[in-house]
Amino acid sequence: MKKALIFIALVVVILFSLNSKTNEYVIVPNESIRFRIIPNSNSIEDIFMKEKVKESISNVINEIETSENIDETRKNIISSIPKVESSIDTLFIENNYDKTYKVKYGMNYFPEKIYKGVKYPEGNYESMVVEIGNASGDNYWCVLFPPLCMIEAEESEDIEYKFFISEIINKFLKRN
């Protein structure tokens, strides 16, 4: 029993230190360009397609994020819109998904967002937005400039690492 308590205390310390590491916030600067994908609704099918759209255009987003400055990013976004549309067209056809969509670039409305404890106020922001169907579902968003979309992708590794720790805890508790 004493061994189990020491192990649990150790795990709590490790989880606390990992949690404090992942709470390093990235604040979106005033001069930025955001990106958003808004699904038709929150149905399973629509959320699935939002994720598929995100995956299908990830290479284009990665190309945009290689820009050195905001003006270059703007040019890259404008020239990338046909690639984004072509990718979404193909995806929708392959999945027999009959919704319409719009890819918009310019000043677009963003609702208030609290992300990792940081509050981003609602307002109109320079952005590229993909609206699918009624565009009334929970959205995916990131920042194209400065390039913060890739930071978000890297952060997902922390989630897997925490999951790994919980597996170890579960295995240990099952043995005792």
N, C-alpha and C. Protein backbone atom coordinates (compact mmCIF):
# COMPACT_ATOMS: atom_id res chain seq x y z
N MET A 1 0.83 -1.19 0.00
CA MET A 1 0.00 0.00 0.00
C MET A 1 0.87 1.26 0.00
N LYS A 2 1.93 1.24 0.79
CA LYS A 2 2.84 2.38 0.87
C LYS A 2 3.48 2.63 -0.50
N LYS A 3 3.83 1.55 -1.19
CA LYS A 3 4.41 1.63 -2.52
C LYS A 3 3.45 2.31 -3.50
N ALA A 4 2.19 1.96 -3.42
CA ALA A 4 1.18 2.53 -4.31
C ALA A 4 1.01 4.02 -4.05
N LEU A 5 1.02 4.44 -2.80
CA LEU A 5 0.89 5.86 -2.47
C LEU A 5 2.08 6.66 -2.98
N ILE A 6 3.27 6.11 -2.85
CA ILE A 6 4.46 6.79 -3.36
C ILE A 6 4.39 6.90 -4.88
N PHE A 7 3.97 5.83 -5.54
CA PHE A 7 3.85 5.85 -6.99
C PHE A 7 2.82 6.90 -7.43
N ILE A 8 1.67 6.93 -6.79
CA ILE A 8 0.62 7.89 -7.14
C ILE A 8 1.11 9.31 -6.92
N ALA A 9 1.83 9.57 -5.82
CA ALA A 9 2.37 10.90 -5.56
C ALA A 9 3.35 11.29 -6.66
N LEU A 10 4.19 10.35 -7.07
CA LEU A 10 5.15 10.61 -8.14
C LEU A 10 4.43 10.94 -9.44
N VAL A 11 3.40 10.20 -9.76
CA VAL A 11 2.63 10.44 -10.98
C VAL A 11 1.97 11.82 -10.94
N VAL A 12 1.43 12.20 -9.79
CA VAL A 12 0.80 13.52 -9.65
C VAL A 12 1.84 14.62 -9.90
N VAL A 13 3.03 14.47 -9.37
CA VAL A 13 4.09 15.46 -9.58
C VAL A 13 4.45 15.53 -11.07
N ILE A 14 4.57 14.39 -11.73
CA ILE A 14 4.89 14.36 -13.16
C ILE A 14 3.78 15.03 -13.97
N LEU A 15 2.53 14.68 -13.67
CA LEU A 15 1.41 15.28 -14.41
C LEU A 15 1.36 16.78 -14.19
N PHE A 16 1.62 17.23 -12.97
CA PHE A 16 1.60 18.66 -12.68
C PHE A 16 2.69 19.38 -13.48
N SER A 17 3.88 18.79 -13.54
CA SER A 17 4.96 19.44 -14.27
C SER A 17 4.67 19.46 -15.77
N LEU A 18 4.06 18.39 -16.29
CA LEU A 18 3.69 18.38 -17.71
C LEU A 18 2.60 19.39 -17.99
N ASN A 19 1.64 19.52 -17.09
CA ASN A 19 0.55 20.47 -17.27
C ASN A 19 1.09 21.89 -17.27
N SER A 20 2.02 22.21 -16.40
CA SER A 20 2.56 23.56 -16.37
C SER A 20 3.35 23.85 -17.63
N LYS A 21 3.97 22.82 -18.22
CA LYS A 21 4.69 23.00 -19.48
C LYS A 21 3.73 23.31 -20.61
N THR A 22 2.58 22.65 -20.66
CA THR A 22 1.66 22.86 -21.78
C THR A 22 0.85 24.13 -21.63
N ASN A 23 0.92 24.79 -20.47
CA ASN A 23 0.20 26.04 -20.29
C ASN A 23 1.00 27.26 -20.72
N GLU A 24 2.08 27.07 -21.46
CA GLU A 24 2.80 28.19 -22.03
C GLU A 24 1.95 28.71 -23.18
N TYR A 25 1.44 29.92 -23.03
CA TYR A 25 0.45 30.43 -23.96
C TYR A 25 1.10 31.10 -25.16
N VAL A 26 0.44 30.95 -26.28
CA VAL A 26 0.81 31.67 -27.49
C VAL A 26 -0.30 32.67 -27.72
N ILE A 27 0.04 33.93 -27.64
CA ILE A 27 -0.96 34.98 -27.83
C ILE A 27 -0.87 35.48 -29.26
N VAL A 28 -2.03 35.55 -29.91
CA VAL A 28 -2.09 36.00 -31.30
C VAL A 28 -1.79 37.50 -31.33
N PRO A 29 -0.75 37.91 -32.06
CA PRO A 29 -0.42 39.34 -32.12
C PRO A 29 -1.47 40.12 -32.91
N ASN A 30 -1.45 41.44 -32.73
CA ASN A 30 -2.42 42.30 -33.43
C ASN A 30 -2.27 42.18 -34.94
N GLU A 31 -1.05 42.15 -35.43
CA GLU A 31 -0.83 42.01 -36.87
C GLU A 31 -0.72 40.53 -37.19
N SER A 32 -1.86 39.94 -37.49
CA SER A 32 -1.89 38.51 -37.77
C SER A 32 -2.96 38.21 -38.82
N ILE A 33 -2.88 37.01 -39.36
CA ILE A 33 -3.91 36.54 -40.28
C ILE A 33 -4.38 35.20 -39.75
N ARG A 34 -5.66 35.12 -39.47
CA ARG A 34 -6.24 33.92 -38.89
C ARG A 34 -6.78 32.99 -39.98
N PHE A 35 -7.09 31.78 -39.56
CA PHE A 35 -7.66 30.79 -40.46
C PHE A 35 -8.74 30.03 -39.72
N ARG A 36 -9.82 29.75 -40.42
CA ARG A 36 -10.97 29.12 -39.76
C ARG A 36 -11.70 28.21 -40.73
N ILE A 37 -12.14 27.04 -40.25
CA ILE A 37 -13.01 26.14 -41.01
C ILE A 37 -14.28 25.96 -40.18
N ILE A 38 -15.42 26.34 -40.75
CA ILE A 38 -16.69 26.24 -40.03
C ILE A 38 -17.55 25.18 -40.71
N PRO A 39 -17.85 24.09 -40.01
CA PRO A 39 -18.66 23.02 -40.62
C PRO A 39 -20.13 23.41 -40.72
N ASN A 40 -20.85 22.67 -41.52
CA ASN A 40 -22.29 22.89 -41.71
C ASN A 40 -23.03 22.89 -40.38
N SER A 41 -22.74 21.90 -39.53
CA SER A 41 -23.41 21.77 -38.23
C SER A 41 -22.49 20.97 -37.31
N ASN A 42 -23.00 20.57 -36.17
CA ASN A 42 -22.24 19.73 -35.26
C ASN A 42 -22.62 18.25 -35.37
N SER A 43 -23.26 17.87 -36.47
CA SER A 43 -23.56 16.45 -36.66
C SER A 43 -22.25 15.69 -36.86
N ILE A 44 -22.28 14.42 -36.63
CA ILE A 44 -21.07 13.59 -36.77
C ILE A 44 -20.51 13.70 -38.18
N GLU A 45 -21.41 13.62 -39.17
CA GLU A 45 -20.96 13.70 -40.56
C GLU A 45 -20.30 15.04 -40.86
N ASP A 46 -20.91 16.14 -40.40
CA ASP A 46 -20.36 17.46 -40.68
C ASP A 46 -19.03 17.71 -39.97
N ILE A 47 -18.92 17.27 -38.73
CA ILE A 47 -17.66 17.42 -38.00
C ILE A 47 -16.57 16.56 -38.65
N PHE A 48 -16.94 15.37 -39.09
CA PHE A 48 -16.01 14.50 -39.80
C PHE A 48 -15.49 15.20 -41.05
N MET A 49 -16.39 15.83 -41.80
CA MET A 49 -15.96 16.52 -43.03
C MET A 49 -15.11 17.74 -42.72
N LYS A 50 -15.39 18.42 -41.62
CA LYS A 50 -14.53 19.55 -41.23
C LYS A 50 -13.10 19.05 -41.03
N GLU A 51 -12.96 17.93 -40.34
CA GLU A 51 -11.63 17.35 -40.11
C GLU A 51 -10.99 16.91 -41.42
N LYS A 52 -11.79 16.33 -42.32
CA LYS A 52 -11.27 15.90 -43.62
C LYS A 52 -10.82 17.11 -44.45
N VAL A 53 -11.57 18.21 -44.38
CA VAL A 53 -11.17 19.43 -45.09
C VAL A 53 -9.83 19.92 -44.53
N LYS A 54 -9.73 19.96 -43.22
CA LYS A 54 -8.48 20.39 -42.57
C LYS A 54 -7.31 19.54 -43.05
N GLU A 55 -7.50 18.22 -43.08
CA GLU A 55 -6.44 17.32 -43.55
C GLU A 55 -6.12 17.54 -45.02
N SER A 56 -7.17 17.69 -45.84
CA SER A 56 -6.96 17.76 -47.28
C SER A 56 -6.25 19.04 -47.72
N ILE A 57 -6.40 20.11 -46.95
CA ILE A 57 -5.74 21.36 -47.33
C ILE A 57 -4.50 21.65 -46.48
N SER A 58 -4.10 20.71 -45.65
CA SER A 58 -2.96 20.96 -44.75
C SER A 58 -1.68 21.29 -45.51
N ASN A 59 -1.45 20.66 -46.66
CA ASN A 59 -0.24 20.97 -47.44
C ASN A 59 -0.25 22.41 -47.93
N VAL A 60 -1.42 22.88 -48.35
CA VAL A 60 -1.55 24.27 -48.81
C VAL A 60 -1.31 25.23 -47.64
N ILE A 61 -1.87 24.91 -46.48
CA ILE A 61 -1.68 25.74 -45.29
C ILE A 61 -0.21 25.77 -44.92
N ASN A 62 0.46 24.63 -44.98
CA ASN A 62 1.90 24.58 -44.68
C ASN A 62 2.69 25.47 -45.63
N GLU A 63 2.31 25.49 -46.91
CA GLU A 63 2.98 26.36 -47.88
C GLU A 63 2.78 27.83 -47.53
N ILE A 64 1.56 28.18 -47.15
CA ILE A 64 1.27 29.57 -46.77
C ILE A 64 2.12 29.98 -45.58
N GLU A 65 2.25 29.07 -44.62
CA GLU A 65 2.97 29.39 -43.39
C GLU A 65 4.48 29.54 -43.55
N THR A 66 5.01 29.25 -44.73
CA THR A 66 6.45 29.44 -44.94
C THR A 66 6.78 30.89 -45.27
N SER A 67 5.79 31.74 -45.34
CA SER A 67 6.00 33.15 -45.68
C SER A 67 6.89 33.82 -44.64
N GLU A 68 7.71 34.76 -45.14
CA GLU A 68 8.64 35.48 -44.28
C GLU A 68 7.99 36.70 -43.60
N ASN A 69 6.95 37.26 -44.22
CA ASN A 69 6.31 38.46 -43.65
C ASN A 69 4.83 38.46 -44.01
N ILE A 70 4.11 39.40 -43.44
CA ILE A 70 2.65 39.42 -43.60
C ILE A 70 2.24 39.71 -45.04
N ASP A 71 2.98 40.55 -45.76
CA ASP A 71 2.63 40.84 -47.15
C ASP A 71 2.80 39.61 -48.03
N GLU A 72 3.86 38.86 -47.81
CA GLU A 72 4.08 37.62 -48.56
C GLU A 72 2.98 36.60 -48.22
N THR A 73 2.58 36.57 -46.96
CA THR A 73 1.50 35.66 -46.54
C THR A 73 0.21 36.00 -47.27
N ARG A 74 -0.10 37.29 -47.36
CA ARG A 74 -1.32 37.72 -48.08
C ARG A 74 -1.29 37.24 -49.53
N LYS A 75 -0.16 37.43 -50.19
CA LYS A 75 -0.03 36.99 -51.59
C LYS A 75 -0.18 35.47 -51.70
N ASN A 76 0.44 34.75 -50.76
CA ASN A 76 0.35 33.29 -50.78
C ASN A 76 -1.08 32.80 -50.55
N ILE A 77 -1.80 33.48 -49.68
CA ILE A 77 -3.19 33.09 -49.44
C ILE A 77 -4.01 33.27 -50.71
N ILE A 78 -3.90 34.43 -51.31
CA ILE A 78 -4.68 34.73 -52.52
C ILE A 78 -4.36 33.72 -53.63
N SER A 79 -3.08 33.42 -53.82
CA SER A 79 -2.71 32.48 -54.89
C SER A 79 -3.07 31.04 -54.53
N SER A 80 -3.28 30.75 -53.24
CA SER A 80 -3.59 29.39 -52.80
C SER A 80 -5.08 29.06 -52.81
N ILE A 81 -5.93 30.06 -52.91
CA ILE A 81 -7.38 29.80 -52.84
C ILE A 81 -7.84 28.80 -53.90
N PRO A 82 -7.39 28.90 -55.15
CA PRO A 82 -7.81 27.87 -56.13
C PRO A 82 -7.38 26.45 -55.73
N LYS A 83 -6.20 26.29 -55.12
CA LYS A 83 -5.74 24.97 -54.66
C LYS A 83 -6.66 24.46 -53.54
N VAL A 84 -7.02 25.35 -52.63
CA VAL A 84 -7.91 24.98 -51.52
C VAL A 84 -9.26 24.53 -52.09
N GLU A 85 -9.81 25.32 -53.01
CA GLU A 85 -11.11 24.98 -53.60
C GLU A 85 -11.05 23.66 -54.36
N SER A 86 -10.00 23.43 -55.11
CA SER A 86 -9.86 22.18 -55.86
C SER A 86 -9.78 20.99 -54.91
N SER A 87 -9.05 21.15 -53.84
CA SER A 87 -8.91 20.08 -52.86
C SER A 87 -10.26 19.76 -52.19
N ILE A 88 -11.01 20.81 -51.84
CA ILE A 88 -12.32 20.60 -51.21
C ILE A 88 -13.29 19.98 -52.21
N ASP A 89 -13.27 20.45 -53.46
CA ASP A 89 -14.13 19.85 -54.50
C ASP A 89 -13.90 18.35 -54.60
N THR A 90 -12.64 17.96 -54.70
CA THR A 90 -12.29 16.55 -54.82
C THR A 90 -12.75 15.77 -53.59
N LEU A 91 -12.49 16.32 -52.43
CA LEU A 91 -12.87 15.66 -51.17
C LEU A 91 -14.38 15.44 -51.09
N PHE A 92 -15.16 16.47 -51.41
CA PHE A 92 -16.62 16.36 -51.34
C PHE A 92 -17.14 15.31 -52.33
N ILE A 93 -16.58 15.28 -53.53
CA ILE A 93 -17.00 14.31 -54.53
C ILE A 93 -16.67 12.89 -54.06
N GLU A 94 -15.44 12.70 -53.57
CA GLU A 94 -15.01 11.37 -53.12
C GLU A 94 -15.85 10.86 -51.96
N ASN A 95 -16.38 11.77 -51.15
CA ASN A 95 -17.14 11.38 -49.97
C ASN A 95 -18.65 11.54 -50.15
N ASN A 96 -19.09 11.81 -51.38
CA ASN A 96 -20.52 12.02 -51.66
C ASN A 96 -21.14 13.01 -50.67
N TYR A 97 -20.44 14.07 -50.42
CA TYR A 97 -20.89 15.09 -49.48
C TYR A 97 -21.48 16.23 -50.29
N ASP A 98 -22.77 16.48 -50.15
CA ASP A 98 -23.48 17.38 -51.07
C ASP A 98 -23.64 18.81 -50.57
N LYS A 99 -22.80 19.25 -49.66
CA LYS A 99 -22.90 20.63 -49.17
C LYS A 99 -22.11 21.58 -50.07
N THR A 100 -22.51 22.82 -50.05
CA THR A 100 -21.74 23.85 -50.73
C THR A 100 -20.70 24.39 -49.75
N TYR A 101 -19.80 25.20 -50.24
CA TYR A 101 -18.81 25.82 -49.37
C TYR A 101 -18.36 27.14 -50.00
N LYS A 102 -17.77 27.98 -49.16
CA LYS A 102 -17.18 29.24 -49.63
C LYS A 102 -15.81 29.38 -48.99
N VAL A 103 -14.86 29.83 -49.76
CA VAL A 103 -13.55 30.19 -49.22
C VAL A 103 -13.46 31.70 -49.33
N LYS A 104 -13.34 32.35 -48.18
CA LYS A 104 -13.31 33.82 -48.15
C LYS A 104 -11.99 34.29 -47.56
N TYR A 105 -11.47 35.36 -48.13
CA TYR A 105 -10.27 35.99 -47.57
C TYR A 105 -10.56 37.47 -47.43
N GLY A 106 -10.25 38.02 -46.29
CA GLY A 106 -10.47 39.44 -46.01
C GLY A 106 -10.78 39.61 -44.54
N MET A 107 -11.61 40.59 -44.23
CA MET A 107 -12.02 40.83 -42.85
C MET A 107 -13.25 39.97 -42.58
N ASN A 108 -13.12 39.03 -41.67
CA ASN A 108 -14.20 38.10 -41.34
C ASN A 108 -14.44 38.12 -39.83
N TYR A 109 -15.69 37.87 -39.46
CA TYR A 109 -16.08 37.89 -38.06
C TYR A 109 -15.61 36.63 -37.34
N PHE A 110 -15.07 36.82 -36.15
CA PHE A 110 -14.69 35.74 -35.26
C PHE A 110 -15.38 35.97 -33.93
N PRO A 111 -16.06 34.96 -33.38
CA PRO A 111 -16.66 35.11 -32.05
C PRO A 111 -15.56 35.10 -30.99
N GLU A 112 -15.92 35.49 -29.77
CA GLU A 112 -14.96 35.42 -28.67
C GLU A 112 -14.48 33.98 -28.52
N LYS A 113 -13.21 33.83 -28.23
CA LYS A 113 -12.64 32.48 -28.09
C LYS A 113 -11.73 32.48 -26.86
N ILE A 114 -11.88 31.46 -26.04
CA ILE A 114 -10.95 31.26 -24.93
C ILE A 114 -10.18 29.99 -25.26
N TYR A 115 -8.87 30.15 -25.44
CA TYR A 115 -8.03 29.03 -25.83
C TYR A 115 -6.84 28.97 -24.89
N LYS A 116 -6.71 27.86 -24.17
CA LYS A 116 -5.64 27.66 -23.20
C LYS A 116 -5.56 28.82 -22.21
N GLY A 117 -6.72 29.26 -21.76
CA GLY A 117 -6.78 30.29 -20.74
C GLY A 117 -6.62 31.71 -21.24
N VAL A 118 -6.42 31.89 -22.53
CA VAL A 118 -6.26 33.23 -23.11
C VAL A 118 -7.55 33.59 -23.83
N LYS A 119 -8.07 34.79 -23.54
CA LYS A 119 -9.32 35.24 -24.15
C LYS A 119 -9.00 36.08 -25.39
N TYR A 120 -9.55 35.64 -26.51
CA TYR A 120 -9.42 36.40 -27.76
C TYR A 120 -10.77 37.05 -28.02
N PRO A 121 -10.80 38.38 -28.06
CA PRO A 121 -12.10 39.06 -28.20
C PRO A 121 -12.73 38.84 -29.57
N GLU A 122 -14.07 38.93 -29.59
CA GLU A 122 -14.77 38.84 -30.86
C GLU A 122 -14.44 40.05 -31.70
N GLY A 123 -14.63 39.92 -32.98
CA GLY A 123 -14.39 41.04 -33.87
C GLY A 123 -14.13 40.57 -35.28
N ASN A 124 -13.88 41.53 -36.14
CA ASN A 124 -13.54 41.25 -37.52
C ASN A 124 -12.03 41.25 -37.65
N TYR A 125 -11.51 40.15 -38.19
CA TYR A 125 -10.07 39.98 -38.30
C TYR A 125 -9.71 39.58 -39.72
N GLU A 126 -8.53 40.00 -40.16
CA GLU A 126 -8.03 39.55 -41.45
C GLU A 126 -7.87 38.03 -41.36
N SER A 127 -8.47 37.34 -42.32
CA SER A 127 -8.48 35.89 -42.22
C SER A 127 -8.89 35.23 -43.52
N MET A 128 -8.57 33.94 -43.58
CA MET A 128 -9.10 33.08 -44.62
C MET A 128 -10.07 32.13 -43.91
N VAL A 129 -11.30 32.09 -44.41
CA VAL A 129 -12.35 31.29 -43.77
C VAL A 129 -12.97 30.35 -44.80
N VAL A 130 -13.12 29.09 -44.39
CA VAL A 130 -13.84 28.10 -45.20
C VAL A 130 -15.16 27.86 -44.49
N GLU A 131 -16.25 28.26 -45.14
CA GLU A 131 -17.60 28.04 -44.60
C GLU A 131 -18.24 26.89 -45.37
N ILE A 132 -18.66 25.85 -44.64
CA ILE A 132 -19.27 24.69 -45.26
C ILE A 132 -20.77 24.71 -44.97
N GLY A 133 -21.58 24.62 -46.03
CA GLY A 133 -23.04 24.59 -45.87
C GLY A 133 -23.55 25.78 -45.08
N ASN A 134 -24.31 25.51 -43.99
CA ASN A 134 -24.88 26.58 -43.16
C ASN A 134 -23.86 27.24 -42.25
N ALA A 135 -22.67 26.67 -42.16
CA ALA A 135 -21.58 27.21 -41.33
C ALA A 135 -22.05 27.51 -39.92
N SER A 136 -22.69 26.52 -39.29
CA SER A 136 -23.21 26.74 -37.94
C SER A 136 -22.63 25.77 -36.90
N GLY A 137 -21.61 25.02 -37.28
CA GLY A 137 -20.99 24.08 -36.34
C GLY A 137 -19.79 24.69 -35.63
N ASP A 138 -19.21 23.91 -34.72
CA ASP A 138 -18.01 24.35 -34.00
C ASP A 138 -16.84 24.36 -34.96
N ASN A 139 -16.10 25.47 -34.95
CA ASN A 139 -15.07 25.66 -35.95
C ASN A 139 -13.69 25.21 -35.49
N TYR A 140 -12.83 25.00 -36.47
CA TYR A 140 -11.40 24.82 -36.27
C TYR A 140 -10.78 26.16 -36.60
N TRP A 141 -9.79 26.60 -35.82
CA TRP A 141 -9.11 27.83 -36.17
C TRP A 141 -7.65 27.77 -35.76
N CYS A 142 -6.86 28.54 -36.46
CA CYS A 142 -5.46 28.70 -36.13
C CYS A 142 -5.00 30.03 -36.74
N VAL A 143 -3.71 30.28 -36.72
CA VAL A 143 -3.18 31.55 -37.22
C VAL A 143 -2.17 31.26 -38.32
N LEU A 144 -2.42 31.84 -39.51
CA LEU A 144 -1.53 31.64 -40.64
C LEU A 144 -0.29 32.54 -40.56
N PHE A 145 -0.46 33.74 -40.03
CA PHE A 145 0.68 34.63 -39.83
C PHE A 145 0.51 35.37 -38.52
N PRO A 146 1.50 35.37 -37.64
CA PRO A 146 2.68 34.52 -37.74
C PRO A 146 2.26 33.05 -37.72
N PRO A 147 3.09 32.18 -38.26
CA PRO A 147 2.68 30.78 -38.45
C PRO A 147 2.52 30.03 -37.12
N LEU A 148 1.28 29.97 -36.65
CA LEU A 148 0.99 29.28 -35.40
C LEU A 148 0.19 28.00 -35.61
N CYS A 149 -0.23 27.70 -36.82
CA CYS A 149 -0.97 26.45 -37.07
C CYS A 149 -0.08 25.26 -36.80
N MET A 150 1.18 25.33 -37.18
CA MET A 150 2.10 24.22 -36.97
C MET A 150 2.40 24.04 -35.48
N ILE A 151 2.43 25.11 -34.71
CA ILE A 151 2.64 25.00 -33.27
C ILE A 151 1.52 24.18 -32.67
N GLU A 152 0.28 24.43 -33.10
CA GLU A 152 -0.86 23.67 -32.59
C GLU A 152 -0.71 22.20 -32.92
N ALA A 153 -0.23 21.87 -34.11
CA ALA A 153 -0.05 20.47 -34.49
C ALA A 153 1.00 19.81 -33.61
N GLU A 154 2.08 20.55 -33.29
CA GLU A 154 3.12 20.00 -32.43
C GLU A 154 2.60 19.78 -31.02
N GLU A 155 1.70 20.64 -30.56
CA GLU A 155 1.17 20.50 -29.20
C GLU A 155 0.37 19.23 -29.03
N SER A 156 -0.17 18.68 -30.10
CA SER A 156 -0.97 17.47 -29.97
C SER A 156 -0.12 16.31 -29.45
N GLU A 157 1.19 16.36 -29.63
CA GLU A 157 2.07 15.33 -29.10
C GLU A 157 1.98 15.27 -27.58
N ASP A 158 1.82 16.41 -26.93
CA ASP A 158 1.70 16.44 -25.47
C ASP A 158 0.49 15.65 -25.01
N ILE A 159 -0.59 15.74 -25.76
CA ILE A 159 -1.81 15.02 -25.41
C ILE A 159 -1.55 13.53 -25.46
N GLU A 160 -0.87 13.08 -26.49
CA GLU A 160 -0.56 11.66 -26.59
C GLU A 160 0.35 11.24 -25.45
N TYR A 161 1.27 12.06 -25.06
CA TYR A 161 2.19 11.74 -23.98
C TYR A 161 1.44 11.61 -22.67
N LYS A 162 0.51 12.49 -22.40
CA LYS A 162 -0.31 12.38 -21.20
C LYS A 162 -1.13 11.10 -21.23
N PHE A 163 -1.62 10.74 -22.39
CA PHE A 163 -2.40 9.51 -22.53
C PHE A 163 -1.51 8.31 -22.20
N PHE A 164 -0.27 8.35 -22.64
CA PHE A 164 0.68 7.29 -22.35
C PHE A 164 0.87 7.15 -20.84
N ILE A 165 1.00 8.25 -20.14
CA ILE A 165 1.15 8.22 -18.68
C ILE A 165 -0.09 7.63 -18.03
N SER A 166 -1.26 8.00 -18.50
CA SER A 166 -2.47 7.45 -17.90
C SER A 166 -2.56 5.94 -18.12
N GLU A 167 -2.03 5.46 -19.27
CA GLU A 167 -1.99 4.02 -19.50
C GLU A 167 -1.10 3.32 -18.48
N ILE A 168 0.04 3.92 -18.17
CA ILE A 168 0.95 3.35 -17.17
C ILE A 168 0.27 3.30 -15.81
N ILE A 169 -0.41 4.37 -15.46
CA ILE A 169 -1.11 4.42 -14.17
C ILE A 169 -2.17 3.32 -14.12
N ASN A 170 -2.95 3.20 -15.18
CA ASN A 170 -3.99 2.18 -15.22
C ASN A 170 -3.41 0.77 -15.10
N LYS A 171 -2.30 0.51 -15.80
CA LYS A 171 -1.68 -0.81 -15.70
C LYS A 171 -1.20 -1.07 -14.29
N PHE A 172 -0.60 -0.07 -13.67
CA PHE A 172 -0.11 -0.25 -12.31
C PHE A 172 -1.26 -0.52 -11.33
N LEU A 173 -2.34 0.22 -11.48
CA LEU A 173 -3.47 0.05 -10.57
C LEU A 173 -4.15 -1.30 -10.75
N LYS A 174 -4.14 -1.83 -11.98
CA LYS A 174 -4.75 -3.13 -12.24
C LYS A 174 -3.93 -4.26 -11.62
N ARG A 175 -2.60 -4.08 -11.53
CA ARG A 175 -1.75 -5.10 -10.94
C ARG A 175 -1.95 -5.20 -9.42
N ASN A 176 -2.28 -4.10 -8.79
CA ASN A 176 -2.41 -4.10 -7.31
C ASN A 176 -3.80 -4.35 -6.87
